[in-house]
N, C-alpha and C. Protein backbone atom coordinates (compact mmCIF):
# COMPACT_ATOMS: atom_id res chain seq x y z
N MET A 1 22.57 33.41 11.96
CA MET A 1 23.08 32.06 11.92
C MET A 1 24.54 32.10 11.49
N ASP A 2 25.34 31.21 12.06
CA ASP A 2 26.76 31.14 11.75
C ASP A 2 26.97 30.69 10.30
N GLU A 3 28.02 31.20 9.68
CA GLU A 3 28.31 30.89 8.27
C GLU A 3 28.55 29.39 8.06
N SER A 4 29.24 28.74 9.00
CA SER A 4 29.51 27.31 8.85
C SER A 4 28.22 26.49 8.94
N VAL A 5 27.30 26.91 9.80
CA VAL A 5 26.01 26.22 9.91
C VAL A 5 25.21 26.38 8.62
N ILE A 6 25.23 27.58 8.06
CA ILE A 6 24.52 27.83 6.80
C ILE A 6 25.08 26.96 5.69
N ARG A 7 26.41 26.86 5.62
CA ARG A 7 27.03 26.01 4.59
C ARG A 7 26.69 24.54 4.78
N GLN A 8 26.66 24.08 6.03
CA GLN A 8 26.30 22.68 6.32
C GLN A 8 24.87 22.41 5.87
N VAL A 9 23.95 23.33 6.17
CA VAL A 9 22.55 23.17 5.74
C VAL A 9 22.46 23.15 4.23
N GLU A 10 23.22 24.00 3.56
CA GLU A 10 23.21 24.03 2.09
C GLU A 10 23.74 22.72 1.51
N ARG A 11 24.80 22.15 2.11
CA ARG A 11 25.32 20.86 1.63
C ARG A 11 24.30 19.75 1.81
N GLU A 12 23.65 19.72 2.99
CA GLU A 12 22.64 18.69 3.23
C GLU A 12 21.45 18.86 2.29
N THR A 13 21.10 20.09 1.97
CA THR A 13 20.01 20.34 1.02
C THR A 13 20.40 19.85 -0.36
N ALA A 14 21.62 20.13 -0.78
CA ALA A 14 22.08 19.65 -2.09
C ALA A 14 22.08 18.13 -2.14
N ASP A 15 22.55 17.50 -1.06
CA ASP A 15 22.53 16.03 -1.01
C ASP A 15 21.11 15.50 -1.07
N ALA A 16 20.20 16.18 -0.40
CA ALA A 16 18.80 15.74 -0.42
C ALA A 16 18.21 15.87 -1.81
N LEU A 17 18.52 16.99 -2.49
CA LEU A 17 18.00 17.17 -3.84
C LEU A 17 18.58 16.16 -4.81
N LEU A 18 19.84 15.85 -4.66
CA LEU A 18 20.48 14.86 -5.52
C LEU A 18 20.19 13.43 -5.10
N ASP A 19 19.69 13.27 -3.86
CA ASP A 19 19.38 11.95 -3.31
C ASP A 19 20.61 11.05 -3.37
N VAL A 20 21.73 11.59 -2.94
CA VAL A 20 23.00 10.86 -3.00
C VAL A 20 22.99 9.69 -2.04
N GLY A 21 22.66 9.92 -0.79
CA GLY A 21 22.63 8.86 0.20
C GLY A 21 23.98 8.61 0.84
N VAL A 22 23.99 7.66 1.76
CA VAL A 22 25.20 7.28 2.49
C VAL A 22 25.44 5.81 2.22
N SER A 23 26.61 5.49 1.73
CA SER A 23 26.96 4.10 1.42
C SER A 23 27.61 3.48 2.65
N ILE A 24 27.08 2.35 3.09
CA ILE A 24 27.67 1.65 4.23
C ILE A 24 28.11 0.26 3.78
N PRO A 25 29.25 -0.20 4.29
CA PRO A 25 29.72 -1.54 3.92
C PRO A 25 28.87 -2.61 4.59
N LEU A 26 28.44 -3.57 3.81
CA LEU A 26 27.62 -4.65 4.34
C LEU A 26 28.49 -5.83 4.77
N LYS A 27 29.27 -6.35 3.85
CA LYS A 27 30.11 -7.51 4.15
C LYS A 27 31.27 -7.51 3.16
N SER A 28 32.44 -7.88 3.65
CA SER A 28 33.58 -8.05 2.74
C SER A 28 34.10 -9.47 2.87
N PHE A 29 34.49 -10.03 1.76
CA PHE A 29 35.02 -11.39 1.75
C PHE A 29 36.04 -11.52 0.64
N ARG A 30 36.88 -12.52 0.78
CA ARG A 30 37.94 -12.75 -0.20
C ARG A 30 37.53 -13.82 -1.20
N LEU A 31 37.90 -13.57 -2.43
CA LEU A 31 37.72 -14.55 -3.50
C LEU A 31 39.10 -15.07 -3.91
N PRO A 32 39.16 -16.32 -4.32
CA PRO A 32 40.46 -16.84 -4.78
C PRO A 32 40.92 -16.08 -6.02
N PHE A 33 42.22 -15.93 -6.15
CA PHE A 33 42.86 -15.28 -7.30
C PHE A 33 42.52 -13.80 -7.40
N ARG A 34 42.19 -13.20 -6.28
CA ARG A 34 41.91 -11.77 -6.28
C ARG A 34 42.63 -11.14 -5.08
N LYS A 35 43.38 -10.05 -5.35
CA LYS A 35 44.17 -9.44 -4.29
C LYS A 35 43.30 -8.69 -3.29
N LYS A 36 42.40 -7.87 -3.78
CA LYS A 36 41.56 -7.08 -2.89
C LYS A 36 40.29 -7.87 -2.53
N PRO A 37 39.82 -7.73 -1.31
CA PRO A 37 38.56 -8.40 -0.95
C PRO A 37 37.37 -7.72 -1.64
N VAL A 38 36.36 -8.50 -1.92
CA VAL A 38 35.12 -7.98 -2.50
C VAL A 38 34.28 -7.42 -1.36
N GLN A 39 33.77 -6.24 -1.54
CA GLN A 39 33.00 -5.61 -0.48
C GLN A 39 31.60 -5.29 -0.99
N LEU A 40 30.61 -5.89 -0.33
CA LEU A 40 29.23 -5.58 -0.64
C LEU A 40 28.83 -4.33 0.13
N ARG A 41 28.19 -3.39 -0.53
CA ARG A 41 27.76 -2.15 0.10
C ARG A 41 26.30 -1.90 -0.22
N VAL A 42 25.63 -1.19 0.68
CA VAL A 42 24.26 -0.74 0.45
C VAL A 42 24.23 0.77 0.65
N THR A 43 23.30 1.42 -0.02
CA THR A 43 23.20 2.87 0.07
C THR A 43 21.92 3.25 0.79
N MET A 44 22.09 4.02 1.85
CA MET A 44 20.94 4.55 2.59
C MET A 44 20.59 5.90 1.97
N ARG A 45 19.35 6.03 1.55
CA ARG A 45 18.89 7.29 0.98
C ARG A 45 17.77 7.85 1.85
N ARG A 46 17.43 9.09 1.62
CA ARG A 46 16.35 9.70 2.38
C ARG A 46 15.07 8.93 2.10
N PRO A 47 14.38 8.51 3.15
CA PRO A 47 13.18 7.70 2.94
C PRO A 47 12.00 8.53 2.46
N THR A 48 11.00 7.82 1.94
CA THR A 48 9.75 8.48 1.56
C THR A 48 9.00 8.87 2.84
N MET A 49 7.88 9.58 2.69
CA MET A 49 7.13 10.03 3.86
C MET A 49 6.66 8.85 4.71
N ASN A 50 6.24 7.78 4.06
CA ASN A 50 5.83 6.59 4.81
C ASN A 50 7.01 6.03 5.59
N GLY A 51 8.18 6.01 4.97
CA GLY A 51 9.38 5.54 5.66
C GLY A 51 9.75 6.45 6.82
N VAL A 52 9.59 7.76 6.64
CA VAL A 52 9.88 8.72 7.72
C VAL A 52 8.96 8.46 8.91
N ILE A 53 7.69 8.20 8.64
CA ILE A 53 6.75 7.93 9.71
C ILE A 53 7.11 6.64 10.43
N ARG A 54 7.47 5.61 9.69
CA ARG A 54 7.85 4.34 10.31
C ARG A 54 9.15 4.47 11.10
N ILE A 55 10.11 5.21 10.57
CA ILE A 55 11.36 5.43 11.28
C ILE A 55 11.11 6.24 12.55
N SER A 56 10.27 7.25 12.45
CA SER A 56 9.94 8.07 13.63
C SER A 56 9.28 7.23 14.71
N ARG A 57 8.41 6.33 14.30
CA ARG A 57 7.75 5.45 15.26
C ARG A 57 8.76 4.55 15.97
N GLU A 58 9.69 3.97 15.21
CA GLU A 58 10.73 3.13 15.82
C GLU A 58 11.63 3.96 16.74
N TYR A 59 11.97 5.17 16.30
CA TYR A 59 12.85 6.03 17.09
C TYR A 59 12.19 6.42 18.41
N LEU A 60 10.92 6.75 18.38
CA LEU A 60 10.23 7.16 19.61
C LEU A 60 10.07 5.99 20.58
N LYS A 61 10.01 4.76 20.07
CA LYS A 61 9.95 3.59 20.95
C LYS A 61 11.22 3.46 21.79
N MET A 62 12.34 3.96 21.27
CA MET A 62 13.62 3.81 21.95
C MET A 62 13.74 4.70 23.18
N GLY A 63 13.13 5.88 23.15
CA GLY A 63 13.17 6.77 24.30
C GLY A 63 14.51 7.43 24.53
N VAL A 64 15.29 7.65 23.46
CA VAL A 64 16.60 8.28 23.57
C VAL A 64 16.64 9.45 22.60
N SER A 65 17.18 10.58 23.03
CA SER A 65 17.31 11.72 22.13
C SER A 65 18.61 11.63 21.35
N SER A 66 18.67 12.32 20.22
CA SER A 66 19.89 12.28 19.40
C SER A 66 21.04 12.96 20.13
N GLU A 67 20.75 13.96 20.94
CA GLU A 67 21.79 14.62 21.73
C GLU A 67 22.44 13.64 22.70
N GLU A 68 21.64 12.80 23.33
CA GLU A 68 22.17 11.78 24.23
C GLU A 68 23.02 10.77 23.47
N MET A 69 22.59 10.42 22.26
CA MET A 69 23.33 9.44 21.47
C MET A 69 24.71 9.94 21.07
N TRP A 70 24.84 11.24 20.81
CA TRP A 70 26.13 11.79 20.42
C TRP A 70 27.13 11.71 21.57
N HIS A 71 26.65 11.69 22.81
CA HIS A 71 27.54 11.68 23.96
C HIS A 71 27.70 10.30 24.60
N PHE A 72 27.30 9.25 23.91
CA PHE A 72 27.47 7.90 24.43
C PHE A 72 28.96 7.56 24.52
N ASP A 73 29.35 6.87 25.58
CA ASP A 73 30.67 6.26 25.61
C ASP A 73 30.53 4.83 25.07
N LYS A 74 31.61 4.10 25.03
CA LYS A 74 31.59 2.77 24.41
C LYS A 74 30.62 1.82 25.11
N GLU A 75 30.59 1.85 26.43
CA GLU A 75 29.70 0.97 27.18
C GLU A 75 28.23 1.31 26.93
N GLU A 76 27.92 2.60 26.87
CA GLU A 76 26.54 3.01 26.60
C GLU A 76 26.12 2.66 25.18
N GLU A 77 27.06 2.75 24.22
CA GLU A 77 26.77 2.34 22.84
C GLU A 77 26.40 0.86 22.79
N MET A 78 27.20 0.04 23.47
CA MET A 78 26.94 -1.41 23.48
C MET A 78 25.61 -1.73 24.15
N GLN A 79 25.31 -1.07 25.25
CA GLN A 79 24.04 -1.30 25.94
C GLN A 79 22.87 -0.86 25.07
N PHE A 80 23.03 0.28 24.39
CA PHE A 80 21.98 0.77 23.51
C PHE A 80 21.71 -0.22 22.38
N LEU A 81 22.78 -0.71 21.75
CA LEU A 81 22.61 -1.67 20.65
C LEU A 81 22.05 -3.00 21.13
N ALA A 82 22.39 -3.41 22.35
CA ALA A 82 21.83 -4.65 22.89
C ALA A 82 20.32 -4.51 23.11
N GLU A 83 19.89 -3.36 23.57
CA GLU A 83 18.46 -3.14 23.84
C GLU A 83 17.67 -2.80 22.59
N HIS A 84 18.26 -2.00 21.70
CA HIS A 84 17.50 -1.46 20.58
C HIS A 84 18.09 -1.81 19.22
N GLY A 85 18.92 -2.84 19.14
CA GLY A 85 19.57 -3.21 17.88
C GLY A 85 18.60 -3.56 16.78
N LYS A 86 17.53 -4.25 17.12
CA LYS A 86 16.55 -4.64 16.11
C LYS A 86 15.84 -3.41 15.55
N GLY A 87 15.50 -2.48 16.42
CA GLY A 87 14.86 -1.24 15.96
C GLY A 87 15.78 -0.41 15.09
N VAL A 88 17.06 -0.35 15.46
CA VAL A 88 18.03 0.40 14.67
C VAL A 88 18.17 -0.23 13.29
N SER A 89 18.25 -1.54 13.23
CA SER A 89 18.40 -2.20 11.93
C SER A 89 17.14 -2.02 11.08
N ARG A 90 15.96 -1.99 11.69
CA ARG A 90 14.74 -1.73 10.92
C ARG A 90 14.70 -0.30 10.40
N MET A 91 15.18 0.64 11.21
CA MET A 91 15.24 2.03 10.75
C MET A 91 16.16 2.17 9.54
N ILE A 92 17.32 1.52 9.60
CA ILE A 92 18.26 1.58 8.49
C ILE A 92 17.68 0.85 7.28
N ALA A 93 16.98 -0.24 7.50
CA ALA A 93 16.36 -0.98 6.40
C ALA A 93 15.31 -0.13 5.69
N HIS A 94 14.61 0.73 6.42
CA HIS A 94 13.62 1.61 5.78
C HIS A 94 14.28 2.67 4.90
N THR A 95 15.54 3.00 5.17
CA THR A 95 16.24 3.95 4.30
C THR A 95 16.81 3.25 3.07
N ILE A 96 16.94 1.94 3.12
CA ILE A 96 17.45 1.18 1.98
C ILE A 96 16.29 0.72 1.10
N CYS A 97 15.23 0.19 1.70
CA CYS A 97 14.06 -0.31 0.97
C CYS A 97 13.01 0.80 0.95
N ARG A 98 13.04 1.64 -0.07
CA ARG A 98 12.16 2.80 -0.08
C ARG A 98 10.89 2.60 -0.90
N GLY A 99 10.87 1.69 -1.81
CA GLY A 99 9.70 1.48 -2.65
C GLY A 99 8.59 0.74 -1.92
N TRP A 100 7.38 0.81 -2.47
CA TRP A 100 6.22 0.19 -1.81
C TRP A 100 6.42 -1.32 -1.69
N LEU A 101 6.80 -1.96 -2.78
CA LEU A 101 6.96 -3.41 -2.77
C LEU A 101 8.13 -3.84 -1.89
N SER A 102 9.26 -3.17 -2.04
CA SER A 102 10.43 -3.55 -1.22
C SER A 102 10.18 -3.26 0.25
N ARG A 103 9.41 -2.20 0.55
CA ARG A 103 9.11 -1.89 1.95
C ARG A 103 8.28 -2.99 2.58
N HIS A 104 7.35 -3.55 1.84
CA HIS A 104 6.49 -4.59 2.38
C HIS A 104 7.13 -5.98 2.38
N LEU A 105 8.01 -6.24 1.43
CA LEU A 105 8.58 -7.58 1.31
C LEU A 105 9.99 -7.73 1.87
N LEU A 106 10.81 -6.68 1.79
CA LEU A 106 12.23 -6.85 2.05
C LEU A 106 12.76 -6.17 3.31
N VAL A 107 11.95 -5.38 4.02
CA VAL A 107 12.47 -4.67 5.19
C VAL A 107 12.95 -5.66 6.26
N GLY A 108 12.19 -6.70 6.53
CA GLY A 108 12.58 -7.68 7.55
C GLY A 108 13.87 -8.39 7.18
N LEU A 109 13.99 -8.83 5.93
CA LEU A 109 15.20 -9.50 5.47
C LEU A 109 16.40 -8.56 5.48
N THR A 110 16.20 -7.33 5.02
CA THR A 110 17.28 -6.34 5.02
C THR A 110 17.73 -6.03 6.44
N ALA A 111 16.78 -5.89 7.36
CA ALA A 111 17.12 -5.63 8.76
C ALA A 111 17.93 -6.80 9.34
N TRP A 112 17.54 -8.02 8.99
CA TRP A 112 18.28 -9.20 9.46
C TRP A 112 19.70 -9.19 8.91
N LEU A 113 19.86 -8.89 7.62
CA LEU A 113 21.19 -8.83 7.02
C LEU A 113 22.04 -7.76 7.69
N ILE A 114 21.44 -6.62 7.97
CA ILE A 114 22.17 -5.53 8.63
C ILE A 114 22.60 -5.96 10.03
N ARG A 115 21.72 -6.60 10.77
CA ARG A 115 22.07 -7.05 12.13
C ARG A 115 23.18 -8.07 12.12
N ASN A 116 23.22 -8.93 11.12
CA ASN A 116 24.19 -10.03 11.12
C ASN A 116 25.48 -9.72 10.39
N TRP A 117 25.49 -8.76 9.48
CA TRP A 117 26.68 -8.54 8.68
C TRP A 117 27.35 -7.19 8.91
N VAL A 118 26.63 -6.15 9.28
CA VAL A 118 27.22 -4.81 9.39
C VAL A 118 27.81 -4.63 10.79
N GLU A 119 29.00 -4.05 10.85
CA GLU A 119 29.64 -3.79 12.13
C GLU A 119 28.88 -2.71 12.89
N HIS A 120 28.91 -2.82 14.23
CA HIS A 120 28.07 -1.94 15.04
C HIS A 120 28.48 -0.47 14.95
N GLU A 121 29.74 -0.18 14.66
CA GLU A 121 30.17 1.22 14.52
C GLU A 121 29.44 1.88 13.36
N TYR A 122 29.28 1.14 12.27
CA TYR A 122 28.59 1.68 11.11
C TYR A 122 27.11 1.90 11.41
N LEU A 123 26.53 0.96 12.16
CA LEU A 123 25.10 1.09 12.50
C LEU A 123 24.84 2.34 13.34
N LEU A 124 25.63 2.54 14.36
CA LEU A 124 25.42 3.68 15.25
C LEU A 124 25.70 4.99 14.52
N ALA A 125 26.75 5.03 13.71
CA ALA A 125 27.06 6.25 12.95
C ALA A 125 25.96 6.56 11.95
N ALA A 126 25.45 5.54 11.27
CA ALA A 126 24.37 5.76 10.31
C ALA A 126 23.12 6.26 11.01
N MET A 127 22.80 5.68 12.15
CA MET A 127 21.59 6.09 12.85
C MET A 127 21.70 7.52 13.37
N THR A 128 22.83 7.89 13.96
CA THR A 128 22.95 9.24 14.47
C THR A 128 22.91 10.26 13.34
N LYS A 129 23.48 9.93 12.18
CA LYS A 129 23.43 10.84 11.03
C LYS A 129 22.00 11.04 10.56
N PHE A 130 21.24 9.96 10.44
CA PHE A 130 19.89 10.09 9.93
C PHE A 130 18.92 10.67 10.95
N VAL A 131 19.17 10.47 12.24
CA VAL A 131 18.30 11.08 13.25
C VAL A 131 18.44 12.59 13.19
N CYS A 132 19.65 13.08 12.94
CA CYS A 132 19.85 14.53 12.81
C CYS A 132 19.11 15.09 11.60
N LEU A 133 19.01 14.30 10.55
CA LEU A 133 18.35 14.77 9.33
C LEU A 133 16.84 14.58 9.35
N MET A 134 16.30 13.92 10.38
CA MET A 134 14.89 13.57 10.39
C MET A 134 14.00 14.60 11.06
N GLY A 135 14.49 15.80 11.35
CA GLY A 135 13.69 16.81 12.02
C GLY A 135 12.54 17.29 11.16
N THR A 136 11.70 18.11 11.76
CA THR A 136 10.55 18.65 11.03
C THR A 136 10.85 20.00 10.41
N ASP A 137 12.06 20.54 10.59
CA ASP A 137 12.40 21.85 10.06
C ASP A 137 12.18 21.98 8.55
N PRO A 138 12.52 20.97 7.73
CA PRO A 138 12.29 21.13 6.29
C PRO A 138 10.81 21.22 5.92
N PHE A 139 9.92 20.75 6.80
CA PHE A 139 8.50 20.76 6.46
C PHE A 139 7.79 22.05 6.85
N ILE A 140 8.44 22.89 7.67
CA ILE A 140 7.78 24.11 8.15
C ILE A 140 7.40 25.05 7.00
N PRO A 141 8.28 25.34 6.02
CA PRO A 141 7.84 26.20 4.91
C PRO A 141 6.70 25.59 4.09
N ILE A 142 6.69 24.26 3.96
CA ILE A 142 5.61 23.61 3.21
C ILE A 142 4.29 23.80 3.94
N ILE A 143 4.32 23.65 5.26
CA ILE A 143 3.09 23.80 6.05
C ILE A 143 2.61 25.25 6.00
N ARG A 144 3.52 26.22 6.10
CA ARG A 144 3.14 27.63 6.00
C ARG A 144 2.53 27.93 4.64
N SER A 145 3.14 27.39 3.60
CA SER A 145 2.62 27.62 2.25
C SER A 145 1.23 27.02 2.10
N ALA A 146 1.03 25.82 2.65
CA ALA A 146 -0.30 25.19 2.57
C ALA A 146 -1.34 25.99 3.35
N GLU A 147 -0.95 26.60 4.46
CA GLU A 147 -1.88 27.43 5.21
C GLU A 147 -2.31 28.64 4.40
N ARG A 148 -1.37 29.24 3.66
CA ARG A 148 -1.68 30.43 2.88
C ARG A 148 -2.61 30.13 1.71
N ILE A 149 -2.40 28.99 1.08
CA ILE A 149 -3.20 28.70 -0.12
C ILE A 149 -4.34 27.73 0.16
N ASN A 150 -4.75 27.61 1.40
CA ASN A 150 -5.81 26.69 1.78
C ASN A 150 -7.11 27.10 1.08
N PRO A 151 -7.66 26.27 0.20
CA PRO A 151 -8.88 26.65 -0.53
C PRO A 151 -10.13 26.67 0.35
N MET A 152 -10.07 26.06 1.51
CA MET A 152 -11.23 26.04 2.40
C MET A 152 -11.31 27.29 3.28
N LYS A 153 -10.24 28.03 3.35
CA LYS A 153 -10.20 29.23 4.18
C LYS A 153 -10.93 30.36 3.45
N PRO A 154 -11.88 31.06 4.13
CA PRO A 154 -12.59 32.15 3.46
C PRO A 154 -11.65 33.31 3.13
N ARG A 155 -11.84 33.89 1.95
CA ARG A 155 -11.03 35.04 1.53
C ARG A 155 -11.62 36.30 2.14
N LEU A 156 -10.88 37.38 2.07
CA LEU A 156 -11.33 38.63 2.68
C LEU A 156 -12.65 39.11 2.12
N SER A 157 -12.84 39.00 0.82
CA SER A 157 -14.07 39.48 0.19
C SER A 157 -15.26 38.58 0.45
N HIS A 158 -15.03 37.37 0.95
CA HIS A 158 -16.10 36.40 1.13
C HIS A 158 -16.52 36.23 2.59
N GLU A 159 -15.94 37.00 3.50
CA GLU A 159 -16.23 36.77 4.91
C GLU A 159 -17.67 37.18 5.28
N LYS A 160 -18.18 38.27 4.70
CA LYS A 160 -19.53 38.73 5.06
C LYS A 160 -20.62 37.80 4.54
N LYS A 161 -20.54 37.43 3.27
CA LYS A 161 -21.56 36.59 2.66
C LYS A 161 -21.32 35.11 2.93
N GLY A 162 -20.09 34.73 3.03
CA GLY A 162 -19.75 33.33 3.23
C GLY A 162 -19.72 32.54 1.95
N SER A 163 -19.77 33.20 0.81
CA SER A 163 -19.73 32.50 -0.48
C SER A 163 -18.43 32.66 -1.16
């Protein structure tokens, strides 16, 4: 593996362990007597397993691969967001509302806020970033480890008797 790829994987792993997330601007507005505008931001973090399953379900409904998304031109981006904007906003909402209660109560409201307040460039960039991180590669060592320590699997000394 290339050294730059290894470093990128290590950075993403460190971010995952720290659960840093990606901050996206939600809405900016001006207040009187203040020079800089106030900017509301939300942080997208790695979702829980339930969120990953829900995001994967929404992503598969779209029928587009992440490789195709990286090569979209401006017209294809607009067409994609027109067709799948609601699904994209729900996917992003699942990365913001990660708890059980917020997932059940606030995902719809958060998705609506994202659709109405966040600029489409941020939505597409956030989605392509998280689609790249949503692969099954991190789970392969866990699955291999579970296969090795499976308590239901007969051990070598127990194969003849079955006990």
